[in-house]
Amino acid sequence: MADEHICAADDIGEMEARGYVGRVDGMQRNIFAVRQDGALHLYLNRCPHAGALLDHIQGQFFTPDGGFLRCGMHGAIFRIESGECIDGPCEGAKLTPLAFEERAGEIYLTGTTAE
């Protein structure tokens, strides 16, 4: 399976997150990209608690202070760099990271989870 183009690398600014749809393990899935300290992270857009989209309100991925990711359904709080839930109903669980490559300023999903 060919890698899937997701976006231009500069579409995701520092401390920004955007949702996309991409093919992961052979299925179309909701995903999101987030950048912190210059590093880009891609995750399945699925809370490990109840399977809800993190941006229950479209495009709203962060806590009010912008320092963490937050599930809009039940309030679980996640570290951006690791996807680890540090507070809420799924504390200790993690978001599912996705394998991707950056080539010539473009982001490509390789179609698998990174675990």
PDB file of N, CA and C in Angstrom:
ATOM      1  N   MET A   1       0.842  -1.182   0.000  1.00  0.00           N
ATOM      2  CA  MET A   1       0.000   0.000   0.000  1.00  0.00           C
ATOM      3  C   MET A   1       0.887   1.245   0.000  1.00  0.00           C
ATOM      4  N   ALA A   2       0.539   2.219  -0.811  1.00  0.00           N
ATOM      5  CA  ALA A   2       1.319   3.443  -0.911  1.00  0.00           C
ATOM      6  C   ALA A   2       1.053   4.344   0.287  1.00  0.00           C
ATOM      7  N   ASP A   3       2.069   5.125   0.631  1.00  0.00           N
ATOM      8  CA  ASP A   3       1.894   6.105   1.698  1.00  0.00           C
ATOM      9  C   ASP A   3       0.837   7.122   1.267  1.00  0.00           C
ATOM     10  N   GLU A   4       0.115   7.651   2.232  1.00  0.00           N
ATOM     11  CA  GLU A   4      -0.976   8.584   1.948  1.00  0.00           C
ATOM     12  C   GLU A   4      -0.601   9.995   2.374  1.00  0.00           C
ATOM     13  N   HIS A   5      -0.707  10.929   1.433  1.00  0.00           N
ATOM     14  CA  HIS A   5      -0.428  12.329   1.738  1.00  0.00           C
ATOM     15  C   HIS A   5      -1.496  12.855   2.694  1.00  0.00           C
ATOM     16  N   ILE A   6      -1.049  13.496   3.776  1.00  0.00           N
ATOM     17  CA  ILE A   6      -1.974  14.053   4.768  1.00  0.00           C
ATOM     18  C   ILE A   6      -2.048  15.572   4.666  1.00  0.00           C
ATOM     19  N   CYS A   7      -0.888  16.227   4.668  1.00  0.00           N
ATOM     20  CA  CYS A   7      -0.877  17.683   4.626  1.00  0.00           C
ATOM     21  C   CYS A   7       0.543  18.166   4.385  1.00  0.00           C
ATOM     22  N   ALA A   8       0.676  19.450   4.150  1.00  0.00           N
ATOM     23  CA  ALA A   8       1.994  20.070   4.135  1.00  0.00           C
ATOM     24  C   ALA A   8       2.464  20.207   5.578  1.00  0.00           C
ATOM     25  N   ALA A   9       3.746  20.000   5.803  1.00  0.00           N
ATOM     26  CA  ALA A   9       4.283  20.060   7.166  1.00  0.00           C
ATOM     27  C   ALA A   9       4.002  21.410   7.822  1.00  0.00           C
ATOM     28  N   ASP A  10       4.052  22.480   7.042  1.00  0.00           N
ATOM     29  CA  ASP A  10       3.835  23.800   7.644  1.00  0.00           C
ATOM     30  C   ASP A  10       2.353  24.140   7.836  1.00  0.00           C
ATOM     31  N   ASP A  11       1.448  23.209   7.495  1.00  0.00           N
ATOM     32  CA  ASP A  11       0.025  23.411   7.803  1.00  0.00           C
ATOM     33  C   ASP A  11      -0.245  23.319   9.303  1.00  0.00           C
ATOM     34  N   ILE A  12       0.654  22.653  10.030  1.00  0.00           N
ATOM     35  CA  ILE A  12       0.488  22.474  11.474  1.00  0.00           C
ATOM     36  C   ILE A  12       1.520  23.349  12.171  1.00  0.00           C
ATOM     37  N   GLY A  13       1.080  24.478  12.678  1.00  0.00           N
ATOM     38  CA  GLY A  13       1.973  25.384  13.381  1.00  0.00           C
ATOM     39  C   GLY A  13       2.257  24.905  14.798  1.00  0.00           C
ATOM     40  N   GLU A  14       3.169  25.588  15.450  1.00  0.00           N
ATOM     41  CA  GLU A  14       3.517  25.267  16.837  1.00  0.00           C
ATOM     42  C   GLU A  14       2.271  25.362  17.719  1.00  0.00           C
ATOM     43  N   MET A  15       2.034  24.318  18.508  1.00  0.00           N
ATOM     44  CA  MET A  15       0.887  24.205  19.413  1.00  0.00           C
ATOM     45  C   MET A  15      -0.441  24.340  18.665  1.00  0.00           C
ATOM     46  N   GLU A  16      -0.466  23.760  17.468  1.00  0.00           N
ATOM     47  CA  GLU A  16      -1.702  23.640  16.705  1.00  0.00           C
ATOM     48  C   GLU A  16      -2.002  22.165  16.496  1.00  0.00           C
ATOM     49  N   ALA A  17      -3.270  21.850  16.341  1.00  0.00           N
ATOM     50  CA  ALA A  17      -3.704  20.484  16.034  1.00  0.00           C
ATOM     51  C   ALA A  17      -4.789  20.566  14.973  1.00  0.00           C
ATOM     52  N   ARG A  18      -4.769  19.583  14.060  1.00  0.00           N
ATOM     53  CA  ARG A  18      -5.778  19.523  13.006  1.00  0.00           C
ATOM     54  C   ARG A  18      -6.197  18.083  12.777  1.00  0.00           C
ATOM     55  N   GLY A  19      -7.475  17.908  12.545  1.00  0.00           N
ATOM     56  CA  GLY A  19      -8.008  16.587  12.263  1.00  0.00           C
ATOM     57  C   GLY A  19      -8.004  16.286  10.776  1.00  0.00           C
ATOM     58  N   TYR A  20      -7.815  15.019  10.445  1.00  0.00           N
ATOM     59  CA  TYR A  20      -7.808  14.534   9.068  1.00  0.00           C
ATOM     60  C   TYR A  20      -8.459  13.154   9.048  1.00  0.00           C
ATOM     61  N   VAL A  21      -8.646  12.628   7.867  1.00  0.00           N
ATOM     62  CA  VAL A  21      -9.046  11.236   7.682  1.00  0.00           C
ATOM     63  C   VAL A  21      -7.928  10.575   6.903  1.00  0.00           C
ATOM     64  N   GLY A  22      -7.478   9.414   7.380  1.00  0.00           N
ATOM     65  CA  GLY A  22      -6.399   8.696   6.708  1.00  0.00           C
ATOM     66  C   GLY A  22      -6.579   7.197   6.830  1.00  0.00           C
ATOM     67  N   ARG A  23      -5.917   6.465   5.954  1.00  0.00           N
ATOM     68  CA  ARG A  23      -5.999   5.004   5.961  1.00  0.00           C
ATOM     69  C   ARG A  23      -4.968   4.458   6.950  1.00  0.00           C
ATOM     70  N   VAL A  24      -5.468   3.762   7.973  1.00  0.00           N
ATOM     71  CA  VAL A  24      -4.626   3.160   9.008  1.00  0.00           C
ATOM     72  C   VAL A  24      -4.981   1.685   9.095  1.00  0.00           C
ATOM     73  N   ASP A  25      -3.970   0.841   8.948  1.00  0.00           N
ATOM     74  CA  ASP A  25      -4.184  -0.610   8.991  1.00  0.00           C
ATOM     75  C   ASP A  25      -5.330  -1.030   8.070  1.00  0.00           C
ATOM     76  N   GLY A  26      -5.374  -0.402   6.883  1.00  0.00           N
ATOM     77  CA  GLY A  26      -6.340  -0.777   5.858  1.00  0.00           C
ATOM     78  C   GLY A  26      -7.723  -0.176   5.985  1.00  0.00           C
ATOM     79  N   MET A  27      -7.937   0.678   6.991  1.00  0.00           N
ATOM     80  CA  MET A  27      -9.266   1.272   7.205  1.00  0.00           C
ATOM     81  C   MET A  27      -9.176   2.798   7.252  1.00  0.00           C
ATOM     82  N   GLN A  28     -10.186   3.479   6.708  1.00  0.00           N
ATOM     83  CA  GLN A  28     -10.257   4.928   6.826  1.00  0.00           C
ATOM     84  C   GLN A  28     -10.569   5.270   8.277  1.00  0.00           C
ATOM     85  N   ARG A  29      -9.728   6.107   8.875  1.00  0.00           N
ATOM     86  CA  ARG A  29      -9.875   6.445  10.294  1.00  0.00           C
ATOM     87  C   ARG A  29      -9.726   7.948  10.482  1.00  0.00           C
ATOM     88  N   ASN A  30     -10.352   8.461  11.534  1.00  0.00           N
ATOM     89  CA  ASN A  30     -10.127   9.843  11.950  1.00  0.00           C
ATOM     90  C   ASN A  30      -8.786   9.901  12.661  1.00  0.00           C
ATOM     91  N   ILE A  31      -7.959  10.845  12.250  1.00  0.00           N
ATOM     92  CA  ILE A  31      -6.635  11.023  12.841  1.00  0.00           C
ATOM     93  C   ILE A  31      -6.450  12.509  13.125  1.00  0.00           C
ATOM     94  N   PHE A  32      -5.389  12.842  13.858  1.00  0.00           N
ATOM     95  CA  PHE A  32      -5.043  14.251  14.003  1.00  0.00           C
ATOM     96  C   PHE A  32      -3.540  14.399  14.122  1.00  0.00           C
ATOM     97  N   ALA A  33      -3.097  15.590  13.733  1.00  0.00           N
ATOM     98  CA  ALA A  33      -1.689  15.956  13.816  1.00  0.00           C
ATOM     99  C   ALA A  33      -1.570  17.123  14.779  1.00  0.00           C
ATOM    100  N   VAL A  34      -0.509  17.111  15.588  1.00  0.00           N
ATOM    101  CA  VAL A  34      -0.275  18.174  16.564  1.00  0.00           C
ATOM    102  C   VAL A  34       1.227  18.428  16.629  1.00  0.00           C
ATOM    103  N   ARG A  35       1.603  19.692  16.781  1.00  0.00           N
ATOM    104  CA  ARG A  35       3.024  20.042  16.855  1.00  0.00           C
ATOM    105  C   ARG A  35       3.316  20.696  18.206  1.00  0.00           C
ATOM    106  N   GLN A  36       4.389  20.211  18.857  1.00  0.00           N
ATOM    107  CA  GLN A  36       4.860  20.782  20.123  1.00  0.00           C
ATOM    108  C   GLN A  36       6.381  20.805  20.097  1.00  0.00           C
ATOM    109  N   ASP A  37       6.962  21.935  20.465  1.00  0.00           N
ATOM    110  CA  ASP A  37       8.423  22.106  20.482  1.00  0.00           C
ATOM    111  C   ASP A  37       9.047  21.696  19.155  1.00  0.00           C
ATOM    112  N   GLY A  38       8.358  22.010  18.066  1.00  0.00           N
ATOM    113  CA  GLY A  38       8.856  21.716  16.730  1.00  0.00           C
ATOM    114  C   GLY A  38       8.617  20.297  16.252  1.00  0.00           C
ATOM    115  N   ALA A  39       8.263  19.395  17.161  1.00  0.00           N
ATOM    116  CA  ALA A  39       8.057  17.983  16.798  1.00  0.00           C
ATOM    117  C   ALA A  39       6.596  17.742  16.429  1.00  0.00           C
ATOM    118  N   LEU A  40       6.392  17.025  15.328  1.00  0.00           N
ATOM    119  CA  LEU A  40       5.049  16.682  14.890  1.00  0.00           C
ATOM    120  C   LEU A  40       4.679  15.306  15.414  1.00  0.00           C
ATOM    121  N   HIS A  41       3.437  15.159  15.858  1.00  0.00           N
ATOM    122  CA  HIS A  41       2.910  13.883  16.350  1.00  0.00           C
ATOM    123  C   HIS A  41       1.600  13.619  15.621  1.00  0.00           C
ATOM    124  N   LEU A  42       1.383  12.376  15.198  1.00  0.00           N
ATOM    125  CA  LEU A  42       0.112  11.955  14.619  1.00  0.00           C
ATOM    126  C   LEU A  42      -0.473  10.863  15.493  1.00  0.00           C
ATOM    127  N   TYR A  43      -1.765  10.976  15.772  1.00  0.00           N
ATOM    128  CA  TYR A  43      -2.477  10.005  16.603  1.00  0.00           C
ATOM    129  C   TYR A  43      -3.819   9.667  15.959  1.00  0.00           C
ATOM    130  N   LEU A  44      -4.347   8.479  16.296  1.00  0.00           N
ATOM    131  CA  LEU A  44      -5.746   8.219  15.995  1.00  0.00           C
ATOM    132  C   LEU A  44      -6.572   9.222  16.782  1.00  0.00           C
ATOM    133  N   ASN A  45      -7.592   9.758  16.180  1.00  0.00           N
ATOM    134  CA  ASN A  45      -8.478  10.694  16.879  1.00  0.00           C
ATOM    135  C   ASN A  45      -9.546   9.865  17.587  1.00  0.00           C
ATOM    136  N   ARG A  46      -9.107   9.209  18.644  1.00  0.00           N
ATOM    137  CA  ARG A  46      -9.981   8.290  19.384  1.00  0.00           C
ATOM    138  C   ARG A  46      -9.503   8.221  20.829  1.00  0.00           C
ATOM    139  N   CYS A  47     -10.354   8.634  21.753  1.00  0.00           N
ATOM    140  CA  CYS A  47     -10.012   8.551  23.172  1.00  0.00           C
ATOM    141  C   CYS A  47     -10.029   7.085  23.604  1.00  0.00           C
ATOM    142  N   PRO A  48      -9.016   6.627  24.348  1.00  0.00           N
ATOM    143  CA  PRO A  48      -9.001   5.232  24.789  1.00  0.00           C
ATOM    144  C   PRO A  48     -10.084   4.905  25.817  1.00  0.00           C
ATOM    145  N   HIS A  49     -10.718   5.912  26.387  1.00  0.00           N
ATOM    146  CA  HIS A  49     -11.765   5.672  27.391  1.00  0.00           C
ATOM    147  C   HIS A  49     -13.034   5.108  26.756  1.00  0.00           C
ATOM    148  N   ALA A  50     -13.637   5.857  25.845  1.00  0.00           N
ATOM    149  CA  ALA A  50     -14.926   5.435  25.285  1.00  0.00           C
ATOM    150  C   ALA A  50     -14.956   5.477  23.763  1.00  0.00           C
ATOM    151  N   GLY A  51     -13.812   5.747  23.144  1.00  0.00           N
ATOM    152  CA  GLY A  51     -13.740   5.748  21.691  1.00  0.00           C
ATOM    153  C   GLY A  51     -14.222   7.013  21.021  1.00  0.00           C
ATOM    154  N   ALA A  52     -14.526   8.049  21.794  1.00  0.00           N
ATOM    155  CA  ALA A  52     -15.006   9.312  21.229  1.00  0.00           C
ATOM    156  C   ALA A  52     -13.870  10.047  20.527  1.00  0.00           C
ATOM    157  N   LEU A  53     -14.230  10.901  19.568  1.00  0.00           N
ATOM    158  CA  LEU A  53     -13.241  11.794  18.971  1.00  0.00           C
ATOM    159  C   LEU A  53     -12.741  12.743  20.053  1.00  0.00           C
ATOM    160  N   LEU A  54     -11.434  13.018  20.065  1.00  0.00           N
ATOM    161  CA  LEU A  54     -10.925  13.980  21.040  1.00  0.00           C
ATOM    162  C   LEU A  54     -11.571  15.342  20.835  1.00  0.00           C
ATOM    163  N   ASP A  55     -11.676  15.756  19.578  1.00  0.00           N
ATOM    164  CA  ASP A  55     -12.307  17.051  19.302  1.00  0.00           C
ATOM    165  C   ASP A  55     -13.810  16.851  19.126  1.00  0.00           C
ATOM    166  N   HIS A  56     -14.460  16.497  20.227  1.00  0.00           N
ATOM    167  CA  HIS A  56     -15.917  16.322  20.242  1.00  0.00           C
ATOM    168  C   HIS A  56     -16.581  17.563  19.647  1.00  0.00           C
ATOM    169  N   ILE A  57     -16.005  18.715  19.899  1.00  0.00           N
ATOM    170  CA  ILE A  57     -16.356  19.943  19.186  1.00  0.00           C
ATOM    171  C   ILE A  57     -15.242  20.131  18.167  1.00  0.00           C
ATOM    172  N   GLN A  58     -15.572  20.042  16.889  1.00  0.00           N
ATOM    173  CA  GLN A  58     -14.575  19.983  15.826  1.00  0.00           C
ATOM    174  C   GLN A  58     -13.483  21.037  15.971  1.00  0.00           C
ATOM    175  N   GLY A  59     -12.229  20.566  15.916  1.00  0.00           N
ATOM    176  CA  GLY A  59     -11.068  21.440  15.960  1.00  0.00           C
ATOM    177  C   GLY A  59     -10.601  21.824  17.350  1.00  0.00           C
ATOM    178  N   GLN A  60     -11.326  21.425  18.400  1.00  0.00           N
ATOM    179  CA  GLN A  60     -10.934  21.781  19.763  1.00  0.00           C
ATOM    180  C   GLN A  60     -10.262  20.582  20.427  1.00  0.00           C
ATOM    181  N   PHE A  61      -8.935  20.560  20.362  1.00  0.00           N
ATOM    182  CA  PHE A  61      -8.150  19.441  20.876  1.00  0.00           C
ATOM    183  C   PHE A  61      -7.478  19.731  22.218  1.00  0.00           C
ATOM    184  N   PHE A  62      -7.354  20.995  22.599  1.00  0.00           N
ATOM    185  CA  PHE A  62      -6.511  21.366  23.732  1.00  0.00           C
ATOM    186  C   PHE A  62      -7.296  21.717  24.994  1.00  0.00           C
ATOM    187  N   THR A  63      -6.585  21.615  26.136  1.00  0.00           N
ATOM    188  CA  THR A  63      -7.106  22.154  27.383  1.00  0.00           C
ATOM    189  C   THR A  63      -7.186  23.678  27.232  1.00  0.00           C
ATOM    190  N   PRO A  64      -7.968  24.348  28.072  1.00  0.00           N
ATOM    191  CA  PRO A  64      -8.088  25.803  27.947  1.00  0.00           C
ATOM    192  C   PRO A  64      -6.751  26.547  27.973  1.00  0.00           C
ATOM    193  N   ASP A  65      -5.768  26.033  28.733  1.00  0.00           N
ATOM    194  CA  ASP A  65      -4.465  26.708  28.783  1.00  0.00           C
ATOM    195  C   ASP A  65      -3.574  26.330  27.609  1.00  0.00           C
ATOM    196  N   GLY A  66      -4.010  25.388  26.778  1.00  0.00           N
ATOM    197  CA  GLY A  66      -3.255  24.994  25.595  1.00  0.00           C
ATOM    198  C   GLY A  66      -2.085  24.076  25.851  1.00  0.00           C
ATOM    199  N   GLY A  67      -1.888  23.629  27.077  1.00  0.00           N
ATOM    200  CA  GLY A  67      -0.711  22.838  27.407  1.00  0.00           C
ATOM    201  C   GLY A  67      -0.841  21.342  27.201  1.00  0.00           C
ATOM    202  N   PHE A  68      -2.075  20.850  27.069  1.00  0.00           N
ATOM    203  CA  PHE A  68      -2.315  19.411  26.948  1.00  0.00           C
ATOM    204  C   PHE A  68      -3.438  19.168  25.949  1.00  0.00           C
ATOM    205  N   LEU A  69      -3.528  17.926  25.492  1.00  0.00           N
ATOM    206  CA  LEU A  69      -4.673  17.498  24.698  1.00  0.00           C
ATOM    207  C   LEU A  69      -5.794  17.116  25.650  1.00  0.00           C
ATOM    208  N   ARG A  70      -7.032  17.326  25.222  1.00  0.00           N
ATOM    209  CA  ARG A  70      -8.178  17.031  26.086  1.00  0.00           C
ATOM    210  C   ARG A  70      -9.286  16.396  25.265  1.00  0.00           C
ATOM    211  N   CYS A  71      -9.842  15.320  25.774  1.00  0.00           N
ATOM    212  CA  CYS A  71     -11.011  14.708  25.153  1.00  0.00           C
ATOM    213  C   CYS A  71     -12.228  15.557  25.488  1.00  0.00           C
ATOM    214  N   GLY A  72     -12.902  16.033  24.474  1.00  0.00           N
ATOM    215  CA  GLY A  72     -14.056  16.888  24.673  1.00  0.00           C
ATOM    216  C   GLY A  72     -15.284  16.166  25.203  1.00  0.00           C
ATOM    217  N   MET A  73     -15.288  14.844  25.187  1.00  0.00           N
ATOM    218  CA  MET A  73     -16.460  14.088  25.644  1.00  0.00           C
ATOM    219  C   MET A  73     -16.472  13.940  27.163  1.00  0.00           C
ATOM    220  N   HIS A  74     -15.391  13.403  27.741  1.00  0.00           N
ATOM    221  CA  HIS A  74     -15.372  13.131  29.182  1.00  0.00           C
ATOM    222  C   HIS A  74     -14.206  13.795  29.912  1.00  0.00           C
ATOM    223  N   GLY A  75     -13.425  14.627  29.213  1.00  0.00           N
ATOM    224  CA  GLY A  75     -12.420  15.441  29.876  1.00  0.00           C
ATOM    225  C   GLY A  75     -11.076  14.801  30.154  1.00  0.00           C
ATOM    226  N   ALA A  76     -10.779  13.643  29.586  1.00  0.00           N
ATOM    227  CA  ALA A  76      -9.459  13.033  29.794  1.00  0.00           C
ATOM    228  C   ALA A  76      -8.375  13.975  29.270  1.00  0.00           C
ATOM    229  N   ILE A  77      -7.259  14.062  30.001  1.00  0.00           N
ATOM    230  CA  ILE A  77      -6.151  14.956  29.670  1.00  0.00           C
ATOM    231  C   ILE A  77      -4.945  14.114  29.254  1.00  0.00           C
ATOM    232  N   PHE A  78      -4.313  14.487  28.117  1.00  0.00           N
ATOM    233  CA  PHE A  78      -3.202  13.720  27.547  1.00  0.00           C
ATOM    234  C   PHE A  78      -1.979  14.596  27.325  1.00  0.00           C
ATOM    235  N   ARG A  79      -0.801  14.021  27.554  1.00  0.00           N
ATOM    236  CA  ARG A  79       0.448  14.688  27.191  1.00  0.00           C
ATOM    237  C   ARG A  79       0.554  14.692  25.667  1.00  0.00           C
ATOM    238  N   ILE A  80       0.958  15.812  25.108  1.00  0.00           N
ATOM    239  CA  ILE A  80       1.063  15.930  23.656  1.00  0.00           C
ATOM    240  C   ILE A  80       2.155  15.018  23.115  1.00  0.00           C
ATOM    241  N   GLU A  81       3.315  15.011  23.762  1.00  0.00           N
ATOM    242  CA  GLU A  81       4.481  14.310  23.213  1.00  0.00           C
ATOM    243  C   GLU A  81       4.390  12.792  23.300  1.00  0.00           C
ATOM    244  N   SER A  82       3.597  12.270  24.226  1.00  0.00           N
ATOM    245  CA  SER A  82       3.539  10.812  24.401  1.00  0.00           C
ATOM    246  C   SER A  82       2.139  10.233  24.212  1.00  0.00           C
ATOM    247  N   GLY A  83       1.122  11.081  24.263  1.00  0.00           N
ATOM    248  CA  GLY A  83      -0.251  10.602  24.186  1.00  0.00           C
ATOM    249  C   GLY A  83      -0.745   9.959  25.468  1.00  0.00           C
ATOM    250  N   GLU A  84       0.053  10.015  26.535  1.00  0.00           N
ATOM    251  CA  GLU A  84      -0.324   9.384  27.809  1.00  0.00           C
ATOM    252  C   GLU A  84      -1.410  10.191  28.507  1.00  0.00           C
ATOM    253  N   CYS A  85      -2.447   9.494  28.975  1.00  0.00           N
ATOM    254  CA  CYS A  85      -3.500  10.142  29.752  1.00  0.00           C
ATOM    255  C   CYS A  85      -2.998  10.341  31.178  1.00  0.00           C
ATOM    256  N   ILE A  86      -3.004  11.595  31.630  1.00  0.00           N
ATOM    257  CA  ILE A  86      -2.502  11.904  32.970  1.00  0.00           C
ATOM    258  C   ILE A  86      -3.614  12.277  33.943  1.00  0.00           C
ATOM    259  N   ASP A  87      -4.841  12.409  33.432  1.00  0.00           N
ATOM    260  CA  ASP A  87      -5.966  12.712  34.308  1.00  0.00           C
ATOM    261  C   ASP A  87      -7.257  12.363  33.576  1.00  0.00           C
ATOM    262  N   GLY A  88      -8.201  11.835  34.311  1.00  0.00           N
ATOM    263  CA  GLY A  88      -9.494  11.521  33.726  1.00  0.00           C
ATOM    264  C   GLY A  88      -9.804  10.038  33.767  1.00  0.00           C
ATOM    265  N   PRO A  89     -10.870   9.633  33.094  1.00  0.00           N
ATOM    266  CA  PRO A  89     -11.371   8.266  33.213  1.00  0.00           C
ATOM    267  C   PRO A  89     -10.471   7.182  32.624  1.00  0.00           C
ATOM    268  N   CYS A  90      -9.475   7.544  31.839  1.00  0.00           N
ATOM    269  CA  CYS A  90      -8.581   6.525  31.263  1.00  0.00           C
ATOM    270  C   CYS A  90      -7.128   6.775  31.667  1.00  0.00           C
ATOM    271  N   GLU A  91      -6.924   7.342  32.857  1.00  0.00           N
ATOM    272  CA  GLU A  91      -5.580   7.664  33.337  1.00  0.00           C
ATOM    273  C   GLU A  91      -4.657   6.461  33.180  1.00  0.00           C
ATOM    274  N   GLY A  92      -3.477   6.719  32.593  1.00  0.00           N
ATOM    275  CA  GLY A  92      -2.488   5.672  32.357  1.00  0.00           C
ATOM    276  C   GLY A  92      -2.562   5.065  30.964  1.00  0.00           C
ATOM    277  N   ALA A  93      -3.708   5.186  30.294  1.00  0.00           N
ATOM    278  CA  ALA A  93      -3.842   4.702  28.913  1.00  0.00           C
ATOM    279  C   ALA A  93      -3.169   5.710  27.976  1.00  0.00           C
ATOM    280  N   LYS A  94      -3.019   5.346  26.715  1.00  0.00           N
ATOM    281  CA  LYS A  94      -2.377   6.235  25.744  1.00  0.00           C
ATOM    282  C   LYS A  94      -3.196   6.338  24.471  1.00  0.00           C
ATOM    283  N   LEU A  95      -3.069   7.499  23.832  1.00  0.00           N
ATOM    284  CA  LEU A  95      -3.567   7.647  22.475  1.00  0.00           C
ATOM    285  C   LEU A  95      -2.735   6.742  21.572  1.00  0.00           C
ATOM    286  N   THR A  96      -3.292   6.331  20.447  1.00  0.00           N
ATOM    287  CA  THR A  96      -2.571   5.457  19.517  1.00  0.00           C
ATOM    288  C   THR A  96      -1.751   6.304  18.555  1.00  0.00           C
ATOM    289  N   PRO A  97      -0.398   6.222  18.640  1.00  0.00           N
ATOM    290  CA  PRO A  97       0.450   6.991  17.728  1.00  0.00           C
ATOM    291  C   PRO A  97       0.459   6.348  16.342  1.00  0.00           C
ATOM    292  N   LEU A  98       0.653   7.175  15.331  1.00  0.00           N
ATOM    293  CA  LEU A  98       0.665   6.700  13.953  1.00  0.00           C
ATOM    294  C   LEU A  98       2.029   6.910  13.318  1.00  0.00           C
ATOM    295  N   ALA A  99       2.427   5.958  12.502  1.00  0.00           N
ATOM    296  CA  ALA A  99       3.695   6.058  11.777  1.00  0.00           C
ATOM    297  C   ALA A  99       3.506   7.006  10.590  1.00  0.00           C
ATOM    298  N   PHE A 100       4.460   7.915  10.425  1.00  0.00           N
ATOM    299  CA  PHE A 100       4.397   8.863   9.315  1.00  0.00           C
ATOM    300  C   PHE A 100       5.813   9.247   8.924  1.00  0.00           C
ATOM    301  N   GLU A 101       5.930   9.849   7.755  1.00  0.00           N
ATOM    302  CA  GLU A 101       7.210  10.370   7.280  1.00  0.00           C
ATOM    303  C   GLU A 101       6.995  11.783   6.770  1.00  0.00           C
ATOM    304  N   GLU A 102       8.028  12.602   6.940  1.00  0.00           N
ATOM    305  CA  GLU A 102       8.022  13.928   6.337  1.00  0.00           C
ATOM    306  C   GLU A 102       9.010  13.897   5.185  1.00  0.00           C
ATOM    307  N   ARG A 103       8.514  14.207   3.977  1.00  0.00           N
ATOM    308  CA  ARG A 103       9.360  14.220   2.786  1.00  0.00           C
ATOM    309  C   ARG A 103       9.083  15.496   2.003  1.00  0.00           C
ATOM    310  N   ALA A 104      10.132  16.227   1.712  1.00  0.00           N
ATOM    311  CA  ALA A 104      10.035  17.448   0.902  1.00  0.00           C
ATOM    312  C   ALA A 104       8.945  18.381   1.425  1.00  0.00           C
ATOM    313  N   GLY A 105       8.872  18.504   2.747  1.00  0.00           N
ATOM    314  CA  GLY A 105       7.931  19.425   3.365  1.00  0.00           C
ATOM    315  C   GLY A 105       6.491  18.949   3.402  1.00  0.00           C
ATOM    316  N   GLU A 106       6.271  17.668   3.118  1.00  0.00           N
ATOM    317  CA  GLU A 106       4.929  17.092   3.121  1.00  0.00           C
ATOM    318  C   GLU A 106       4.878  15.933   4.108  1.00  0.00           C
ATOM    319  N   ILE A 107       3.713  15.717   4.713  1.00  0.00           N
ATOM    320  CA  ILE A 107       3.520  14.640   5.690  1.00  0.00           C
ATOM    321  C   ILE A 107       2.766  13.494   5.020  1.00  0.00           C
ATOM    322  N   TYR A 108       3.326  12.284   5.160  1.00  0.00           N
ATOM    323  CA  TYR A 108       2.728  11.080   4.592  1.00  0.00           C
ATOM    324  C   TYR A 108       2.482  10.064   5.699  1.00  0.00           C
ATOM    325  N   LEU A 109       1.262   9.589   5.774  1.00  0.00           N
ATOM    326  CA  LEU A 109       0.897   8.516   6.688  1.00  0.00           C
ATOM    327  C   LEU A 109       1.351   7.212   6.049  1.00  0.00           C
ATOM    328  N   THR A 110       2.077   6.385   6.816  1.00  0.00           N
ATOM    329  CA  THR A 110       2.577   5.133   6.246  1.00  0.00           C
ATOM    330  C   THR A 110       1.574   3.999   6.371  1.00  0.00           C
ATOM    331  N   GLY A 111       0.433   4.264   7.007  1.00  0.00           N
ATOM    332  CA  GLY A 111      -0.652   3.295   7.017  1.00  0.00           C
ATOM    333  C   GLY A 111      -0.686   2.361   8.196  1.00  0.00           C
ATOM    334  N   THR A 112       0.188   2.582   9.180  1.00  0.00           N
ATOM    335  CA  THR A 112       0.213   1.696  10.342  1.00  0.00           C
ATOM    336  C   THR A 112       0.293   2.508  11.623  1.00  0.00           C
ATOM    337  N   THR A 113      -0.035   1.842  12.723  1.00  0.00           N
ATOM    338  CA  THR A 113       0.193   2.460  14.019  1.00  0.00           C
ATOM    339  C   THR A 113       1.680   2.398  14.308  1.00  0.00           C
ATOM    340  N   ALA A 114       2.154   3.281  15.167  1.00  0.00           N
ATOM    341  CA  ALA A 114       3.584   3.358  15.458  1.00  0.00           C
ATOM    342  C   ALA A 114       3.995   2.427  16.582  1.00  0.00           C
ATOM    343  N   GLU A 115       3.053   1.735  17.195  1.00  0.00           N
ATOM    344  CA  GLU A 115       3.375   0.857  18.329  1.00  0.00           C
ATOM    345  C   GLU A 115       3.827  -0.496  17.832  1.00  0.00           C
TER     346      GLU A 115
END
